[in-house]
C-alpha atoms as a PDB file:
ATOM      1  CA  MET A   1     129.708 142.481  77.102  1.00  0.00           C
ATOM      2  CA  ALA A   2     129.244 139.589  74.611  1.00  0.00           C
ATOM      3  CA  THR A   3     130.865 139.205  71.409  1.00  0.00           C
ATOM      4  CA  THR A   4     128.078 138.790  68.720  1.00  0.00           C
ATOM      5  CA  GLU A   5     127.908 137.406  65.162  1.00  0.00           C
ATOM      6  CA  ASP A   6     127.674 140.919  63.913  1.00  0.00           C
ATOM      7  CA  ASP A   7     131.065 141.753  65.497  1.00  0.00           C
ATOM      8  CA  LEU A   8     132.924 138.831  63.956  1.00  0.00           C
ATOM      9  CA  ARG A   9     131.476 139.589  60.591  1.00  0.00           C
ATOM     10  CA  ASN A  10     132.597 143.210  60.562  1.00  0.00           C
ATOM     11  CA  HIS A  11     136.308 142.554  60.977  1.00  0.00           C
ATOM     12  CA  TYR A  12     138.458 141.230  58.121  1.00  0.00           C
ATOM     13  CA  ALA A  13     141.958 139.668  57.651  1.00  0.00           C
ATOM     14  CA  LYS A  14     143.795 139.242  54.706  1.00  0.00           C
ATOM     15  CA  PHE A  15     145.412 135.944  53.806  1.00  0.00           C
ATOM     16  CA  PRO A  16     147.329 134.348  51.121  1.00  0.00           C
ATOM     17  CA  PHE A  17     144.445 132.903  49.851  1.00  0.00           C
ATOM     18  CA  GLY A  18     141.898 135.709  50.180  1.00  0.00           C
ATOM     19  CA  VAL A  19     140.000 137.860  52.941  1.00  0.00           C
ATOM     20  CA  MET A  20     138.187 136.263  55.522  1.00  0.00           C
ATOM     21  CA  ASP A  21     136.029 138.075  58.282  1.00  0.00           C
ATOM     22  CA  SER A  22     136.446 136.797  62.034  1.00  0.00           C
ATOM     23  CA  TYR A  23     133.609 134.333  61.990  1.00  0.00           C
ATOM     24  CA  GLN A  24     135.323 132.436  58.869  1.00  0.00           C
ATOM     25  CA  VAL A  25     138.899 132.773  60.490  1.00  0.00           C
ATOM     26  CA  LEU A  26     137.411 131.036  63.892  1.00  0.00           C
ATOM     27  CA  LEU A  27     135.494 128.146  61.625  1.00  0.00           C
ATOM     28  CA  PHE A  28     138.892 127.900  59.403  1.00  0.00           C
ATOM     29  CA  MET A  29     141.185 127.424  62.719  1.00  0.00           C
ATOM     30  CA  SER A  30     138.962 124.867  64.059  1.00  0.00           C
ATOM     31  CA  ALA A  31     138.556 122.630  60.873  1.00  0.00           C
ATOM     32  CA  HIS A  32     142.340 123.137  60.089  1.00  0.00           C
ATOM     33  CA  THR A  33     143.408 122.036  63.893  1.00  0.00           C
ATOM     34  CA  GLU A  34     141.074 119.100  63.124  1.00  0.00           C
ATOM     35  CA  ARG A  35     142.651 118.280  60.070  1.00  0.00           C
ATOM     36  CA  HIS A  36     146.116 117.762  61.716  1.00  0.00           C
ATOM     37  CA  ILE A  37     144.654 115.698  64.566  1.00  0.00           C
ATOM     38  CA  TYR A  38     143.754 113.357  62.072  1.00  0.00           C
ATOM     39  CA  GLN A  39     147.062 113.425  60.512  1.00  0.00           C
ATOM     40  CA  ILE A  40     148.752 112.681  64.094  1.00  0.00           C
ATOM     41  CA  GLU A  41     146.418 109.889  64.625  1.00  0.00           C
ATOM     42  CA  GLU A  42     147.252 108.245  60.970  1.00  0.00           C
ATOM     43  CA  VAL A  43     151.187 108.540  61.746  1.00  0.00           C
ATOM     44  CA  LYS A  44     150.502 107.010  65.183  1.00  0.00           C
ATOM     45  CA  ALA A  45     148.752 104.361  63.746  1.00  0.00           C
ATOM     46  CA  ASP A  46     151.348 103.296  61.339  1.00  0.00           C
ATOM     47  CA  PRO A  47     152.941 100.107  62.381  1.00  0.00           C
ATOM     48  CA  ASN A  48     156.593 101.426  61.307  1.00  0.00           C
ATOM     49  CA  LEU A  49     156.283 104.223  63.785  1.00  0.00           C
ATOM     50  CA  PRO A  50     159.283 103.786  66.201  1.00  0.00           C
ATOM     51  CA  LYS A  51     158.069 102.899  69.686  1.00  0.00           C
ATOM     52  CA  LYS A  52     159.515 103.953  72.642  1.00  0.00           C
END
């Protein structure tokens, strides 16, 4: 049994910033993770970052 977009659009979660359906939550989680990856890359590129 496959999950459809309709299934994801019919389940909701309440967050401090509003209500999102499951489809929106999946998009948000991936974008948020990508944001942190860019932050990690920025820190690693800093010449003042201590090396091992």
